């Protein structure tokens, strides 16, 4: 039995190598994939996006494609049995709202480690989670950080 036992752990997933690391840590800490709540937050298509304007892609088709990809990605990480959900909106706020709804006692998030102007322009999901979370947050350092 792991020394660190929480009943519900939220892990945001963006399908990156950093997400793989967060999933690995979550499994190590909980010892049970059934305790994990995995969330992918999507940005809604803008009305002026080429796919939306030309009518070649709908939110339903996009959501279906993400769910199919997630199923393969999560299975490959050994967490295919974990609960997986999709949300739309502001990444940091959606993650913290989801964690509260799930009554999570921990959020595990990877830092992508942006610095300087790139961080100012892109914002920081990890920072938003730290500011708004109702529970403990474990921020994992980027694996290739200096």
Protein backbone atom coordinates (compact mmCIF):
# COMPACT_ATOMS: atom_id res chain seq x y z
CA UNK A 1 0.00 0.00 0.00
CA UNK A 2 1.44 3.39 -0.97
CA UNK A 3 2.41 5.73 1.85
CA UNK A 4 0.56 8.53 0.08
CA UNK A 5 -3.06 7.50 -0.12
CA UNK A 6 -5.71 9.78 -1.55
CA UNK A 7 -9.12 8.63 -2.70
CA UNK A 8 -9.51 10.91 -5.75
CA UNK A 9 -6.64 12.34 -7.76
CA UNK A 10 -7.19 14.57 -10.80
CA UNK A 11 -4.59 14.52 -13.56
CA UNK A 12 -4.96 16.94 -16.48
CA UNK A 13 -3.90 15.24 -19.72
CA UNK A 14 -2.73 17.04 -22.86
CA UNK A 15 -1.18 13.90 -24.42
CA UNK A 16 2.37 15.23 -24.10
CA UNK A 17 5.43 13.49 -22.64
CA UNK A 18 4.83 15.58 -19.54
CA UNK A 19 1.32 14.08 -19.27
CA UNK A 20 2.83 10.62 -19.47
CA UNK A 21 5.09 11.52 -16.55
CA UNK A 22 2.17 12.89 -14.51
CA UNK A 23 0.19 9.70 -15.12
CA UNK A 24 3.16 7.57 -14.06
CA UNK A 25 3.54 9.56 -10.83
CA UNK A 26 -0.21 9.41 -10.15
CA UNK A 27 -0.23 5.61 -10.45
CA UNK A 28 2.86 5.33 -8.23
CA UNK A 29 1.31 7.56 -5.56
CA UNK A 30 -2.17 6.05 -5.53
CA UNK A 31 -1.44 2.47 -6.47
CA UNK A 32 -4.89 2.26 -8.08
CA UNK A 33 -5.98 3.68 -11.46
CA UNK A 34 -9.58 3.67 -10.24
CA UNK A 35 -8.69 6.60 -7.98
CA UNK A 36 -7.66 8.70 -10.97
CA UNK A 37 -9.85 11.24 -12.73
CA UNK A 38 -8.23 12.23 -16.00
CA UNK A 39 -9.29 15.42 -17.74
CA UNK A 40 -8.53 16.92 -21.12
CA UNK A 41 -9.59 20.53 -21.61
CA UNK A 42 -10.26 21.65 -25.16
CA UNK A 43 -10.39 25.17 -26.48
CA UNK A 44 -13.67 25.73 -28.34
CA UNK A 45 -13.40 26.34 -32.07
CA UNK A 46 -13.70 30.01 -32.96
CA UNK A 47 -16.49 30.94 -35.33
CA UNK A 48 -13.79 32.17 -37.73
CA UNK A 49 -11.68 29.01 -37.61
CA UNK A 50 -11.29 27.62 -41.14
CA UNK A 51 -12.81 24.28 -40.15
CA UNK A 52 -15.82 26.00 -38.58
CA UNK A 53 -16.30 28.44 -41.46
CA UNK A 54 -16.16 25.72 -44.10
CA UNK A 55 -18.31 23.40 -42.05
CA UNK A 56 -15.83 20.55 -42.44
CA UNK A 57 -15.44 19.87 -38.75
CA UNK A 58 -17.91 19.95 -35.90
CA UNK A 59 -17.36 19.99 -32.15
CA UNK A 60 -19.01 16.56 -32.01
CA UNK A 61 -16.55 15.12 -34.54
CA UNK A 62 -13.66 16.82 -32.77
CA UNK A 63 -14.76 15.46 -29.40
CA UNK A 64 -15.11 11.97 -30.84
CA UNK A 65 -11.61 12.15 -32.35
CA UNK A 66 -10.13 13.27 -29.02
CA UNK A 67 -11.92 10.48 -27.12
CA UNK A 68 -10.64 7.89 -29.61
CA UNK A 69 -7.09 9.22 -29.35
CA UNK A 70 -7.35 9.38 -25.54
CA UNK A 71 -8.46 5.77 -25.35
CA UNK A 72 -5.32 4.62 -27.18
CA UNK A 73 -3.01 7.04 -25.34
CA UNK A 74 -4.32 6.13 -21.89
CA UNK A 75 -4.26 2.40 -22.60
CA UNK A 76 -0.63 2.71 -23.70
CA UNK A 77 0.13 4.40 -20.36
CA UNK A 78 -1.57 1.61 -18.41
CA UNK A 79 -4.43 3.80 -17.19
CA UNK A 80 -7.13 2.80 -19.66
CA UNK A 81 -9.50 1.91 -16.80
CA UNK A 82 -9.32 5.37 -15.21
CA UNK A 83 -12.22 7.81 -15.53
CA UNK A 84 -11.62 10.17 -18.47
CA UNK A 85 -13.57 13.37 -19.14
CA UNK A 86 -13.50 16.24 -21.61
CA UNK A 87 -14.24 19.88 -20.93
CA UNK A 88 -14.16 23.08 -22.94
CA UNK A 89 -12.87 26.43 -21.74
CA UNK A 90 -10.08 27.97 -19.71
CA UNK A 91 -7.70 25.17 -18.84
CA UNK A 92 -6.78 26.20 -15.30
CA UNK A 93 -10.33 27.04 -14.23
CA UNK A 94 -11.88 23.96 -15.82
CA UNK A 95 -9.34 21.71 -14.11
CA UNK A 96 -9.92 23.25 -10.69
CA UNK A 97 -13.72 23.22 -11.11
CA UNK A 98 -13.57 19.57 -12.17
CA UNK A 99 -11.39 18.68 -9.17
CA UNK A 100 -13.88 20.33 -6.83
CA UNK A 101 -16.83 18.52 -8.46
CA UNK A 102 -14.98 15.20 -8.14
CA UNK A 103 -14.14 15.98 -4.48
CA UNK A 104 -10.47 15.41 -5.31
CA UNK A 105 -7.89 15.60 -2.59
CA UNK A 106 -4.99 16.06 -5.02
CA UNK A 107 -4.30 17.45 -8.48
CA UNK A 108 -1.11 16.30 -10.21
CA UNK A 109 -0.04 18.58 -13.04
CA UNK A 110 3.09 18.86 -15.13
CA UNK A 111 4.76 22.18 -15.61
CA UNK A 112 5.71 22.83 -19.20
CA UNK A 113 8.35 25.23 -17.92
CA UNK A 114 7.77 28.22 -20.18
CA UNK A 115 9.77 31.28 -19.20
CA UNK A 116 9.86 34.96 -20.08
CA UNK A 117 7.74 36.33 -22.91
CA UNK A 118 6.40 32.90 -23.94
CA UNK A 119 4.99 32.40 -20.42
CA UNK A 120 3.41 35.87 -20.43
CA UNK A 121 1.77 35.26 -23.80
CA UNK A 122 0.64 31.70 -23.16
CA UNK A 123 -0.13 31.99 -19.46
CA UNK A 124 0.54 29.19 -17.04
CA UNK A 125 -1.98 26.44 -16.46
CA UNK A 126 -0.05 25.13 -13.47
CA UNK A 127 -0.02 28.59 -11.91
CA UNK A 128 -3.78 29.01 -12.44
CA UNK A 129 -4.39 25.62 -10.84
CA UNK A 130 -2.25 26.59 -7.84
CA UNK A 131 -4.20 29.82 -7.42
CA UNK A 132 -7.70 28.32 -7.73
CA UNK A 133 -7.49 24.75 -6.42
CA UNK A 134 -9.47 23.77 -3.34
CA UNK A 135 -7.12 20.84 -2.64
CA UNK A 136 -3.42 19.99 -2.64
CA UNK A 137 -1.55 20.38 -5.93
CA UNK A 138 1.58 18.53 -6.94
CA UNK A 139 3.41 20.32 -9.76
CA UNK A 140 5.95 18.12 -11.50
CA UNK A 141 9.01 19.77 -12.90
CA UNK A 142 9.48 19.41 -16.61
CA UNK A 143 11.66 16.37 -17.27
CA UNK A 144 14.10 18.19 -19.54
CA UNK A 145 14.28 21.34 -17.37
CA UNK A 146 17.74 22.76 -16.76
